[in-house]
Amino acid sequence: MFDQMRPNIVALEEPSNWQKDNQKMLKNMANSQAFKAKLVAFNKECKEKMKEEVALRTLKNKLSVFELEQSISQEINKVDCLEEEVMTTKDLYDEAMGITKPGHAQTQNLLVKVNIGDG
């Protein structure tokens, strides 16, 4: 009689089809959850990289604007320096015609002036 019960016990120890299916389903669910977790992490990483790329592009644009402003500023400074060096038409005419202050004589060299007034 004990031997007749033995096959039933062995049969109970082996998983049935529904138990096998249940184990497969649980394994698939675990795999799906692991995949979902990896996908969420990947999406988060992609979003962070996109934010970094946007920030980098913004910084590059700001740098370009800054460099352009610096270049314009340098050109403006050059123009300002040139404007300071440029004499007015009257100044040029006066210098060319040798007009001097009263009591001074003009030499051929425009930089040399001789005082001919009283001592």
C-alpha atoms as a PDB file:
ATOM      1  CA  MET A   1       0.000   0.000   0.000  1.00  0.00           C
ATOM      2  CA  PHE A   2       2.805   2.392   0.712  1.00  0.00           C
ATOM      3  CA  ASP A   3       4.220   1.749  -2.748  1.00  0.00           C
ATOM      4  CA  GLN A   4       0.924   2.661  -4.338  1.00  0.00           C
ATOM      5  CA  MET A   5       0.978   6.058  -2.638  1.00  0.00           C
ATOM      6  CA  ARG A   6       4.530   6.739  -3.615  1.00  0.00           C
ATOM      7  CA  PRO A   7       3.785   7.629  -7.276  1.00  0.00           C
ATOM      8  CA  ASN A   8       1.186  10.134  -6.083  1.00  0.00           C
ATOM      9  CA  ILE A   9       3.721  11.803  -3.813  1.00  0.00           C
ATOM     10  CA  VAL A  10       6.232  12.001  -6.669  1.00  0.00           C
ATOM     11  CA  ALA A  11       3.532  13.440  -8.867  1.00  0.00           C
ATOM     12  CA  LEU A  12       2.858  16.131  -6.284  1.00  0.00           C
ATOM     13  CA  GLU A  13       6.542  16.978  -6.036  1.00  0.00           C
ATOM     14  CA  GLU A  14       6.819  17.604  -9.777  1.00  0.00           C
ATOM     15  CA  PRO A  15       5.368  20.942 -10.801  1.00  0.00           C
ATOM     16  CA  SER A  16       2.206  20.751 -12.802  1.00  0.00           C
ATOM     17  CA  ASN A  17       1.715  22.569 -16.082  1.00  0.00           C
ATOM     18  CA  TRP A  18      -0.106  25.456 -14.434  1.00  0.00           C
ATOM     19  CA  GLN A  19       2.726  25.774 -11.912  1.00  0.00           C
ATOM     20  CA  LYS A  20       5.273  25.778 -14.738  1.00  0.00           C
ATOM     21  CA  ASP A  21       3.227  28.375 -16.580  1.00  0.00           C
ATOM     22  CA  ASN A  22       2.954  30.411 -13.399  1.00  0.00           C
ATOM     23  CA  GLN A  23       6.726  30.252 -12.884  1.00  0.00           C
ATOM     24  CA  LYS A  24       7.311  31.315 -16.502  1.00  0.00           C
ATOM     25  CA  MET A  25       4.857  34.152 -16.088  1.00  0.00           C
ATOM     26  CA  LEU A  26       6.552  35.279 -12.860  1.00  0.00           C
ATOM     27  CA  LYS A  27       9.949  35.077 -14.550  1.00  0.00           C
ATOM     28  CA  ASN A  28       8.623  37.072 -17.526  1.00  0.00           C
ATOM     29  CA  MET A  29       7.170  39.663 -15.155  1.00  0.00           C
ATOM     30  CA  ALA A  30      10.503  39.947 -13.361  1.00  0.00           C
ATOM     31  CA  ASN A  31      12.281  40.299 -16.699  1.00  0.00           C
ATOM     32  CA  SER A  32       9.730  42.895 -17.813  1.00  0.00           C
ATOM     33  CA  GLN A  33      10.170  44.868 -14.602  1.00  0.00           C
ATOM     34  CA  ALA A  34      13.948  44.718 -14.951  1.00  0.00           C
ATOM     35  CA  PHE A  35      13.663  45.863 -18.567  1.00  0.00           C
ATOM     36  CA  LYS A  36      11.284  48.646 -17.560  1.00  0.00           C
ATOM     37  CA  ALA A  37      13.713  49.793 -14.856  1.00  0.00           C
ATOM     38  CA  LYS A  38      16.551  49.822 -17.387  1.00  0.00           C
ATOM     39  CA  LEU A  39      14.384  51.722 -19.859  1.00  0.00           C
ATOM     40  CA  VAL A  40      13.427  54.314 -17.240  1.00  0.00           C
ATOM     41  CA  ALA A  41      17.104  54.753 -16.305  1.00  0.00           C
ATOM     42  CA  PHE A  42      18.026  55.086 -19.980  1.00  0.00           C
ATOM     43  CA  ASN A  43      15.290  57.682 -20.557  1.00  0.00           C
ATOM     44  CA  LYS A  44      16.463  59.639 -17.522  1.00  0.00           C
ATOM     45  CA  GLU A  45      20.042  59.541 -18.794  1.00  0.00           C
ATOM     46  CA  CYS A  46      18.898  60.697 -22.257  1.00  0.00           C
ATOM     47  CA  LYS A  47      16.958  63.598 -20.760  1.00  0.00           C
ATOM     48  CA  GLU A  48      19.990  64.636 -18.710  1.00  0.00           C
ATOM     49  CA  LYS A  49      22.223  64.459 -21.777  1.00  0.00           C
ATOM     50  CA  MET A  50      19.724  66.498 -23.770  1.00  0.00           C
ATOM     51  CA  LYS A  51      19.676  69.120 -21.005  1.00  0.00           C
ATOM     52  CA  GLU A  52      23.482  69.157 -21.025  1.00  0.00           C
ATOM     53  CA  GLU A  53      23.506  69.550 -24.814  1.00  0.00           C
ATOM     54  CA  VAL A  54      21.019  72.414 -24.636  1.00  0.00           C
ATOM     55  CA  ALA A  55      23.086  74.064 -21.906  1.00  0.00           C
ATOM     56  CA  LEU A  56      26.241  73.563 -23.962  1.00  0.00           C
ATOM     57  CA  ARG A  57      24.614  75.064 -27.065  1.00  0.00           C
ATOM     58  CA  THR A  58      23.416  78.006 -24.976  1.00  0.00           C
ATOM     59  CA  LEU A  59      26.913  78.558 -23.617  1.00  0.00           C
ATOM     60  CA  LYS A  60      28.382  78.346 -27.118  1.00  0.00           C
ATOM     61  CA  ASN A  61      25.858  80.922 -28.339  1.00  0.00           C
ATOM     62  CA  LYS A  62      26.625  83.213 -25.408  1.00  0.00           C
ATOM     63  CA  LEU A  63      30.349  82.831 -26.085  1.00  0.00           C
ATOM     64  CA  SER A  64      29.804  83.677 -29.751  1.00  0.00           C
ATOM     65  CA  VAL A  65      27.807  86.767 -28.799  1.00  0.00           C
ATOM     66  CA  PHE A  66      30.478  87.777 -26.273  1.00  0.00           C
ATOM     67  CA  GLU A  67      33.257  87.332 -28.849  1.00  0.00           C
ATOM     68  CA  LEU A  68      31.261  89.348 -31.379  1.00  0.00           C
ATOM     69  CA  GLU A  69      30.678  92.110 -28.823  1.00  0.00           C
ATOM     70  CA  GLN A  70      34.399  92.142 -28.014  1.00  0.00           C
ATOM     71  CA  SER A  71      35.272  92.360 -31.701  1.00  0.00           C
ATOM     72  CA  ILE A  72      32.808  95.204 -32.224  1.00  0.00           C
ATOM     73  CA  SER A  73      34.147  96.970 -29.133  1.00  0.00           C
ATOM     74  CA  GLN A  74      37.708  96.685 -30.448  1.00  0.00           C
ATOM     75  CA  GLU A  75      36.636  98.109 -33.810  1.00  0.00           C
ATOM     76  CA  ILE A  76      34.820 100.969 -32.059  1.00  0.00           C
ATOM     77  CA  ASN A  77      37.952 101.688 -30.021  1.00  0.00           C
ATOM     78  CA  LYS A  78      40.000 101.764 -33.232  1.00  0.00           C
ATOM     79  CA  VAL A  79      37.533 104.234 -34.750  1.00  0.00           C
ATOM     80  CA  ASP A  80      37.599 106.351 -31.577  1.00  0.00           C
ATOM     81  CA  CYS A  81      41.407 106.427 -31.702  1.00  0.00           C
ATOM     82  CA  LEU A  82      41.327 107.401 -35.363  1.00  0.00           C
ATOM     83  CA  GLU A  83      38.809 110.144 -34.631  1.00  0.00           C
ATOM     84  CA  GLU A  84      41.125 111.547 -31.964  1.00  0.00           C
ATOM     85  CA  GLU A  85      44.009 111.574 -34.451  1.00  0.00           C
ATOM     86  CA  VAL A  86      42.012 113.281 -37.206  1.00  0.00           C
ATOM     87  CA  MET A  87      42.339 117.043 -37.196  1.00  0.00           C
ATOM     88  CA  THR A  88      39.489 119.309 -38.156  1.00  0.00           C
ATOM     89  CA  THR A  89      39.582 121.002 -41.541  1.00  0.00           C
ATOM     90  CA  LYS A  90      40.233 124.366 -39.878  1.00  0.00           C
ATOM     91  CA  ASP A  91      43.162 122.943 -37.901  1.00  0.00           C
ATOM     92  CA  LEU A  92      44.634 121.510 -41.081  1.00  0.00           C
ATOM     93  CA  TYR A  93      44.114 124.779 -42.959  1.00  0.00           C
ATOM     94  CA  ASP A  94      45.625 126.853 -40.147  1.00  0.00           C
ATOM     95  CA  GLU A  95      48.636 124.598 -39.944  1.00  0.00           C
ATOM     96  CA  ALA A  96      49.115 124.493 -43.693  1.00  0.00           C
ATOM     97  CA  MET A  97      48.817 128.262 -44.108  1.00  0.00           C
ATOM     98  CA  GLY A  98      51.203 128.965 -41.265  1.00  0.00           C
ATOM     99  CA  ILE A  99      48.764 131.014 -39.241  1.00  0.00           C
ATOM    100  CA  THR A 100      50.314 131.601 -35.833  1.00  0.00           C
ATOM    101  CA  LYS A 101      49.589 133.506 -32.675  1.00  0.00           C
ATOM    102  CA  PRO A 102      50.410 137.209 -32.794  1.00  0.00           C
ATOM    103  CA  GLY A 103      54.043 137.852 -31.976  1.00  0.00           C
ATOM    104  CA  HIS A 104      55.251 134.556 -33.417  1.00  0.00           C
ATOM    105  CA  ALA A 105      56.830 133.871 -36.774  1.00  0.00           C
ATOM    106  CA  GLN A 106      56.281 130.672 -38.657  1.00  0.00           C
ATOM    107  CA  THR A 107      59.222 128.742 -40.036  1.00  0.00           C
ATOM    108  CA  GLN A 108      59.176 126.232 -42.848  1.00  0.00           C
ATOM    109  CA  ASN A 109      59.089 123.497 -40.221  1.00  0.00           C
ATOM    110  CA  LEU A 110      55.609 123.716 -38.770  1.00  0.00           C
ATOM    111  CA  LEU A 111      56.859 122.411 -35.443  1.00  0.00           C
ATOM    112  CA  VAL A 112      59.369 125.230 -34.868  1.00  0.00           C
ATOM    113  CA  LYS A 113      57.999 128.628 -33.801  1.00  0.00           C
ATOM    114  CA  VAL A 114      60.108 131.685 -33.122  1.00  0.00           C
ATOM    115  CA  ASN A 115      59.046 134.389 -30.676  1.00  0.00           C
ATOM    116  CA  ILE A 116      59.805 137.801 -32.171  1.00  0.00           C
ATOM    117  CA  GLY A 117      58.006 139.848 -29.561  1.00  0.00           C
ATOM    118  CA  ASP A 118      59.549 141.927 -26.759  1.00  0.00           C
ATOM    119  CA  GLY A 119      61.614 139.887 -24.421  1.00  0.00           C
END
